[in-house]
Amino acid sequence: MRILLFVCLVVILVGCVTQRTILVNDRGEELTCDVKGWGFIGSLASYNKQDECVAEAVKRGYRLKQQTN
């Protein structure tokens, strides 16, 4: 039981998150919000940083780029 708890704790503390959002303006210029976070606290902070980056880009006239498949 202790080993399972230890493994879960290690996974939570050393996990990583990578987020990437591509935005485009009316002139076709692209802006990429690329944020990485390590560990539990870093992964939570990365979501806030990503939201801030996208909000700032929207204020400057960018919008989410439509993905084509």
PDB file of N, CA and C in Angstrom:
ATOM      1  N   MET A   1       0.822  -1.194   0.000  1.00  0.00           N
ATOM      2  CA  MET A   1       0.000   0.000   0.000  1.00  0.00           C
ATOM      3  C   MET A   1       0.864   1.254   0.000  1.00  0.00           C
ATOM      4  N   ARG A   2       1.953   1.244   0.753  1.00  0.00           N
ATOM      5  CA  ARG A   2       2.844   2.411   0.805  1.00  0.00           C
ATOM      6  C   ARG A   2       3.495   2.671  -0.545  1.00  0.00           C
ATOM      7  N   ILE A   3       3.832   1.602  -1.243  1.00  0.00           N
ATOM      8  CA  ILE A   3       4.468   1.764  -2.548  1.00  0.00           C
ATOM      9  C   ILE A   3       3.490   2.421  -3.523  1.00  0.00           C
ATOM     10  N   LEU A   4       2.243   1.992  -3.513  1.00  0.00           N
ATOM     11  CA  LEU A   4       1.236   2.581  -4.389  1.00  0.00           C
ATOM     12  C   LEU A   4       1.037   4.060  -4.062  1.00  0.00           C
ATOM     13  N   LEU A   5       0.980   4.393  -2.800  1.00  0.00           N
ATOM     14  CA  LEU A   5       0.841   5.784  -2.385  1.00  0.00           C
ATOM     15  C   LEU A   5       2.049   6.603  -2.824  1.00  0.00           C
ATOM     16  N   PHE A   6       3.235   6.051  -2.677  1.00  0.00           N
ATOM     17  CA  PHE A   6       4.466   6.727  -3.092  1.00  0.00           C
ATOM     18  C   PHE A   6       4.473   6.968  -4.601  1.00  0.00           C
ATOM     19  N   VAL A   7       4.089   5.985  -5.384  1.00  0.00           N
ATOM     20  CA  VAL A   7       4.055   6.116  -6.842  1.00  0.00           C
ATOM     21  C   VAL A   7       3.054   7.195  -7.244  1.00  0.00           C
ATOM     22  N   CYS A   8       1.892   7.205  -6.636  1.00  0.00           N
ATOM     23  CA  CYS A   8       0.886   8.236  -6.950  1.00  0.00           C
ATOM     24  C   CYS A   8       1.402   9.623  -6.601  1.00  0.00           C
ATOM     25  N   LEU A   9       2.058   9.760  -5.470  1.00  0.00           N
ATOM     26  CA  LEU A   9       2.607  11.040  -5.056  1.00  0.00           C
ATOM     27  C   LEU A   9       3.685  11.515  -6.029  1.00  0.00           C
ATOM     28  N   VAL A  10       4.546  10.629  -6.451  1.00  0.00           N
ATOM     29  CA  VAL A  10       5.613  10.986  -7.401  1.00  0.00           C
ATOM     30  C   VAL A  10       5.017  11.426  -8.731  1.00  0.00           C
ATOM     31  N   VAL A  11       4.010  10.724  -9.213  1.00  0.00           N
ATOM     32  CA  VAL A  11       3.377  11.080 -10.479  1.00  0.00           C
ATOM     33  C   VAL A  11       2.739  12.465 -10.388  1.00  0.00           C
ATOM     34  N   ILE A  12       2.095  12.763  -9.284  1.00  0.00           N
ATOM     35  CA  ILE A  12       1.465  14.069  -9.108  1.00  0.00           C
ATOM     36  C   ILE A  12       2.513  15.174  -9.062  1.00  0.00           C
ATOM     37  N   LEU A  13       3.610  14.958  -8.400  1.00  0.00           N
ATOM     38  CA  LEU A  13       4.607  16.004  -8.208  1.00  0.00           C
ATOM     39  C   LEU A  13       5.515  16.232  -9.401  1.00  0.00           C
ATOM     40  N   VAL A  14       5.724  15.219 -10.228  1.00  0.00           N
ATOM     41  CA  VAL A  14       6.670  15.385 -11.336  1.00  0.00           C
ATOM     42  C   VAL A  14       6.011  15.383 -12.708  1.00  0.00           C
ATOM     43  N   GLY A  15       4.710  15.361 -12.767  1.00  0.00           N
ATOM     44  CA  GLY A  15       4.020  15.404 -14.052  1.00  0.00           C
ATOM     45  C   GLY A  15       4.242  16.739 -14.749  1.00  0.00           C
ATOM     46  N   CYS A  16       3.932  16.794 -16.010  1.00  0.00           N
ATOM     47  CA  CYS A  16       4.106  18.044 -16.750  1.00  0.00           C
ATOM     48  C   CYS A  16       2.894  18.307 -17.630  1.00  0.00           C
ATOM     49  N   VAL A  17       2.715  19.578 -17.968  1.00  0.00           N
ATOM     50  CA  VAL A  17       1.618  20.010 -18.822  1.00  0.00           C
ATOM     51  C   VAL A  17       2.187  20.922 -19.894  1.00  0.00           C
ATOM     52  N   THR A  18       1.765  20.734 -21.118  1.00  0.00           N
ATOM     53  CA  THR A  18       2.144  21.618 -22.214  1.00  0.00           C
ATOM     54  C   THR A  18       0.871  22.050 -22.931  1.00  0.00           C
ATOM     55  N   GLN A  19       0.711  23.361 -23.064  1.00  0.00           N
ATOM     56  CA  GLN A  19      -0.460  23.905 -23.743  1.00  0.00           C
ATOM     57  C   GLN A  19       0.005  24.822 -24.867  1.00  0.00           C
ATOM     58  N   ARG A  20      -0.644  24.730 -25.996  1.00  0.00           N
ATOM     59  CA  ARG A  20      -0.303  25.587 -27.131  1.00  0.00           C
ATOM     60  C   ARG A  20      -1.601  26.041 -27.803  1.00  0.00           C
ATOM     61  N   THR A  21      -1.708  27.341 -27.981  1.00  0.00           N
ATOM     62  CA  THR A  21      -2.849  27.935 -28.662  1.00  0.00           C
ATOM     63  C   THR A  21      -2.317  28.856 -29.744  1.00  0.00           C
ATOM     64  N   ILE A  22      -2.825  28.704 -30.951  1.00  0.00           N
ATOM     65  CA  ILE A  22      -2.411  29.551 -32.060  1.00  0.00           C
ATOM     66  C   ILE A  22      -3.544  30.517 -32.368  1.00  0.00           C
ATOM     67  N   LEU A  23      -3.198  31.791 -32.420  1.00  0.00           N
ATOM     68  CA  LEU A  23      -4.170  32.837 -32.722  1.00  0.00           C
ATOM     69  C   LEU A  23      -3.727  33.561 -33.979  1.00  0.00           C
ATOM     70  N   VAL A  24      -4.672  34.200 -34.658  1.00  0.00           N
ATOM     71  CA  VAL A  24      -4.385  34.913 -35.900  1.00  0.00           C
ATOM     72  C   VAL A  24      -5.138  36.246 -35.892  1.00  0.00           C
ATOM     73  N   ASN A  25      -4.551  37.264 -36.521  1.00  0.00           N
ATOM     74  CA  ASN A  25      -5.244  38.550 -36.626  1.00  0.00           C
ATOM     75  C   ASN A  25      -5.777  38.740 -38.041  1.00  0.00           C
ATOM     76  N   ASP A  26      -6.379  39.893 -38.305  1.00  0.00           N
ATOM     77  CA  ASP A  26      -6.998  40.148 -39.611  1.00  0.00           C
ATOM     78  C   ASP A  26      -5.986  40.210 -40.750  1.00  0.00           C
ATOM     79  N   ARG A  27      -4.715  40.486 -40.434  1.00  0.00           N
ATOM     80  CA  ARG A  27      -3.670  40.541 -41.464  1.00  0.00           C
ATOM     81  C   ARG A  27      -3.034  39.183 -41.718  1.00  0.00           C
ATOM     82  N   GLY A  28      -3.496  38.161 -41.018  1.00  0.00           N
ATOM     83  CA  GLY A  28      -2.953  36.822 -41.200  1.00  0.00           C
ATOM     84  C   GLY A  28      -1.733  36.523 -40.348  1.00  0.00           C
ATOM     85  N   GLU A  29      -1.346  37.443 -39.478  1.00  0.00           N
ATOM     86  CA  GLU A  29      -0.201  37.227 -38.596  1.00  0.00           C
ATOM     87  C   GLU A  29      -0.602  36.274 -37.473  1.00  0.00           C
ATOM     88  N   GLU A  30       0.268  35.330 -37.207  1.00  0.00           N
ATOM     89  CA  GLU A  30      -0.014  34.339 -36.169  1.00  0.00           C
ATOM     90  C   GLU A  30       0.737  34.654 -34.887  1.00  0.00           C
ATOM     91  N   LEU A  31       0.117  34.312 -33.769  1.00  0.00           N
ATOM     92  CA  LEU A  31       0.718  34.446 -32.448  1.00  0.00           C
ATOM     93  C   LEU A  31       0.487  33.128 -31.729  1.00  0.00           C
ATOM     94  N   THR A  32       1.529  32.585 -31.131  1.00  0.00           N
ATOM     95  CA  THR A  32       1.411  31.323 -30.424  1.00  0.00           C
ATOM     96  C   THR A  32       1.581  31.545 -28.932  1.00  0.00           C
ATOM     97  N   CYS A  33       0.612  31.083 -28.159  1.00  0.00           N
ATOM     98  CA  CYS A  33       0.720  31.054 -26.702  1.00  0.00           C
ATOM     99  C   CYS A  33       1.132  29.633 -26.349  1.00  0.00           C
ATOM    100  N   ASP A  34       2.370  29.458 -25.929  1.00  0.00           N
ATOM    101  CA  ASP A  34       2.941  28.149 -25.633  1.00  0.00           C
ATOM    102  C   ASP A  34       3.420  28.155 -24.193  1.00  0.00           C
ATOM    103  N   VAL A  35       2.755  27.376 -23.335  1.00  0.00           N
ATOM    104  CA  VAL A  35       3.052  27.398 -21.904  1.00  0.00           C
ATOM    105  C   VAL A  35       3.315  25.972 -21.429  1.00  0.00           C
ATOM    106  N   LYS A  36       4.325  25.841 -20.564  1.00  0.00           N
ATOM    107  CA  LYS A  36       4.659  24.543 -19.981  1.00  0.00           C
ATOM    108  C   LYS A  36       4.677  24.663 -18.465  1.00  0.00           C
ATOM    109  N   GLY A  37       4.287  23.603 -17.789  1.00  0.00           N
ATOM    110  CA  GLY A  37       4.313  23.580 -16.335  1.00  0.00           C
ATOM    111  C   GLY A  37       4.760  22.222 -15.832  1.00  0.00           C
ATOM    112  N   TRP A  38       5.524  22.230 -14.753  1.00  0.00           N
ATOM    113  CA  TRP A  38       6.046  20.995 -14.163  1.00  0.00           C
ATOM    114  C   TRP A  38       5.500  20.837 -12.755  1.00  0.00           C
ATOM    115  N   GLY A  39       5.130  19.614 -12.401  1.00  0.00           N
ATOM    116  CA  GLY A  39       4.625  19.343 -11.068  1.00  0.00           C
ATOM    117  C   GLY A  39       3.195  19.828 -10.897  1.00  0.00           C
ATOM    118  N   PHE A  40       2.647  19.598  -9.740  1.00  0.00           N
ATOM    119  CA  PHE A  40       1.255  19.931  -9.475  1.00  0.00           C
ATOM    120  C   PHE A  40       1.018  21.434  -9.536  1.00  0.00           C
ATOM    121  N   ILE A  41       1.828  22.198  -8.816  1.00  0.00           N
ATOM    122  CA  ILE A  41       1.666  23.647  -8.776  1.00  0.00           C
ATOM    123  C   ILE A  41       1.962  24.253 -10.151  1.00  0.00           C
ATOM    124  N   GLY A  42       2.992  23.788 -10.799  1.00  0.00           N
ATOM    125  CA  GLY A  42       3.346  24.300 -12.124  1.00  0.00           C
ATOM    126  C   GLY A  42       2.264  24.045 -13.154  1.00  0.00           C
ATOM    127  N   SER A  43       1.616  22.898 -13.063  1.00  0.00           N
ATOM    128  CA  SER A  43       0.553  22.603 -14.020  1.00  0.00           C
ATOM    129  C   SER A  43      -0.660  23.499 -13.786  1.00  0.00           C
ATOM    130  N   LEU A  44      -0.967  23.783 -12.526  1.00  0.00           N
ATOM    131  CA  LEU A  44      -2.071  24.705 -12.236  1.00  0.00           C
ATOM    132  C   LEU A  44      -1.737  26.118 -12.703  1.00  0.00           C
ATOM    133  N   ALA A  45      -0.512  26.545 -12.470  1.00  0.00           N
ATOM    134  CA  ALA A  45      -0.091  27.887 -12.883  1.00  0.00           C
ATOM    135  C   ALA A  45      -0.070  28.012 -14.402  1.00  0.00           C
ATOM    136  N   SER A  46       0.220  26.934 -15.105  1.00  0.00           N
ATOM    137  CA  SER A  46       0.278  27.002 -16.567  1.00  0.00           C
ATOM    138  C   SER A  46      -1.092  27.319 -17.162  1.00  0.00           C
ATOM    139  N   TYR A  47      -2.154  26.835 -16.551  1.00  0.00           N
ATOM    140  CA  TYR A  47      -3.492  27.157 -17.050  1.00  0.00           C
ATOM    141  C   TYR A  47      -3.772  28.651 -16.921  1.00  0.00           C
ATOM    142  N   ASN A  48      -3.368  29.251 -15.796  1.00  0.00           N
ATOM    143  CA  ASN A  48      -3.558  30.689 -15.610  1.00  0.00           C
ATOM    144  C   ASN A  48      -2.727  31.488 -16.607  1.00  0.00           C
ATOM    145  N   LYS A  49      -1.478  31.084 -16.810  1.00  0.00           N
ATOM    146  CA  LYS A  49      -0.611  31.784 -17.758  1.00  0.00           C
ATOM    147  C   LYS A  49      -1.171  31.692 -19.178  1.00  0.00           C
ATOM    148  N   GLN A  50      -1.702  30.536 -19.527  1.00  0.00           N
ATOM    149  CA  GLN A  50      -2.273  30.339 -20.861  1.00  0.00           C
ATOM    150  C   GLN A  50      -3.483  31.254 -21.048  1.00  0.00           C
ATOM    151  N   ASP A  51      -4.350  31.305 -20.050  1.00  0.00           N
ATOM    152  CA  ASP A  51      -5.521  32.178 -20.133  1.00  0.00           C
ATOM    153  C   ASP A  51      -5.118  33.637 -20.254  1.00  0.00           C
ATOM    154  N   GLU A  52      -4.093  34.053 -19.510  1.00  0.00           N
ATOM    155  CA  GLU A  52      -3.609  35.435 -19.583  1.00  0.00           C
ATOM    156  C   GLU A  52      -3.051  35.751 -20.969  1.00  0.00           C
ATOM    157  N   CYS A  53      -2.298  34.831 -21.530  1.00  0.00           N
ATOM    158  CA  CYS A  53      -1.704  35.028 -22.858  1.00  0.00           C
ATOM    159  C   CYS A  53      -2.795  35.176 -23.913  1.00  0.00           C
ATOM    160  N   VAL A  54      -3.787  34.305 -23.878  1.00  0.00           N
ATOM    161  CA  VAL A  54      -4.872  34.356 -24.861  1.00  0.00           C
ATOM    162  C   VAL A  54      -5.690  35.633 -24.681  1.00  0.00           C
ATOM    163  N   ALA A  55      -5.987  36.005 -23.433  1.00  0.00           N
ATOM    164  CA  ALA A  55      -6.767  37.226 -23.178  1.00  0.00           C
ATOM    165  C   ALA A  55      -6.031  38.463 -23.696  1.00  0.00           C
ATOM    166  N   GLU A  56      -4.736  38.524 -23.485  1.00  0.00           N
ATOM    167  CA  GLU A  56      -3.936  39.663 -23.969  1.00  0.00           C
ATOM    168  C   GLU A  56      -3.930  39.706 -25.499  1.00  0.00           C
ATOM    169  N   ALA A  57      -3.822  38.542 -26.135  1.00  0.00           N
ATOM    170  CA  ALA A  57      -3.824  38.487 -27.597  1.00  0.00           C
ATOM    171  C   ALA A  57      -5.174  38.930 -28.155  1.00  0.00           C
ATOM    172  N   VAL A  58      -6.258  38.531 -27.518  1.00  0.00           N
ATOM    173  CA  VAL A  58      -7.592  38.927 -27.970  1.00  0.00           C
ATOM    174  C   VAL A  58      -7.748  40.445 -27.869  1.00  0.00           C
ATOM    175  N   LYS A  59      -7.216  41.037 -26.805  1.00  0.00           N
ATOM    176  CA  LYS A  59      -7.256  42.493 -26.663  1.00  0.00           C
ATOM    177  C   LYS A  59      -6.517  43.182 -27.808  1.00  0.00           C
ATOM    178  N   ARG A  60      -5.490  42.526 -28.339  1.00  0.00           N
ATOM    179  CA  ARG A  60      -4.687  43.093 -29.424  1.00  0.00           C
ATOM    180  C   ARG A  60      -5.246  42.750 -30.807  1.00  0.00           C
ATOM    181  N   GLY A  61      -6.443  42.136 -30.863  1.00  0.00           N
ATOM    182  CA  GLY A  61      -7.101  41.883 -32.141  1.00  0.00           C
ATOM    183  C   GLY A  61      -6.915  40.488 -32.710  1.00  0.00           C
ATOM    184  N   TYR A  62      -6.370  39.572 -31.944  1.00  0.00           N
ATOM    185  CA  TYR A  62      -6.194  38.198 -32.416  1.00  0.00           C
ATOM    186  C   TYR A  62      -7.426  37.370 -32.071  1.00  0.00           C
ATOM    187  N   ARG A  63      -7.617  36.293 -32.811  1.00  0.00           N
ATOM    188  CA  ARG A  63      -8.685  35.335 -32.532  1.00  0.00           C
ATOM    189  C   ARG A  63      -8.121  33.925 -32.723  1.00  0.00           C
ATOM    190  N   LEU A  64      -8.809  32.937 -32.194  1.00  0.00           N
ATOM    191  CA  LEU A  64      -8.336  31.561 -32.324  1.00  0.00           C
ATOM    192  C   LEU A  64      -8.285  31.161 -33.789  1.00  0.00           C
ATOM    193  N   LYS A  65      -7.209  30.510 -34.157  1.00  0.00           N
ATOM    194  CA  LYS A  65      -7.048  30.044 -35.530  1.00  0.00           C
ATOM    195  C   LYS A  65      -7.876  28.785 -35.715  1.00  0.00           C
ATOM    196  N   GLN A  66      -8.614  28.740 -36.810  1.00  0.00           N
ATOM    197  CA  GLN A  66      -9.425  27.560 -37.121  1.00  0.00           C
ATOM    198  C   GLN A  66      -8.515  26.450 -37.607  1.00  0.00           C
ATOM    199  N   GLN A  67      -8.651  25.265 -37.037  1.00  0.00           N
ATOM    200  CA  GLN A  67      -7.860  24.126 -37.448  1.00  0.00           C
ATOM    201  C   GLN A  67      -8.508  23.481 -38.669  1.00  0.00           C
ATOM    202  N   THR A  68      -7.710  23.153 -39.659  1.00  0.00           N
ATOM    203  CA  THR A  68      -8.217  22.436 -40.831  1.00  0.00           C
ATOM    204  C   THR A  68      -7.599  21.053 -40.845  1.00  0.00           C
ATOM    205  N   ASN A  69      -8.408  20.061 -41.102  1.00  0.00           N
ATOM    206  CA  ASN A  69      -7.923  18.665 -41.120  1.00  0.00           C
ATOM    207  C   ASN A  69      -7.867  18.145 -42.505  1.00  0.00           C
TER     208      ASN A  69
END
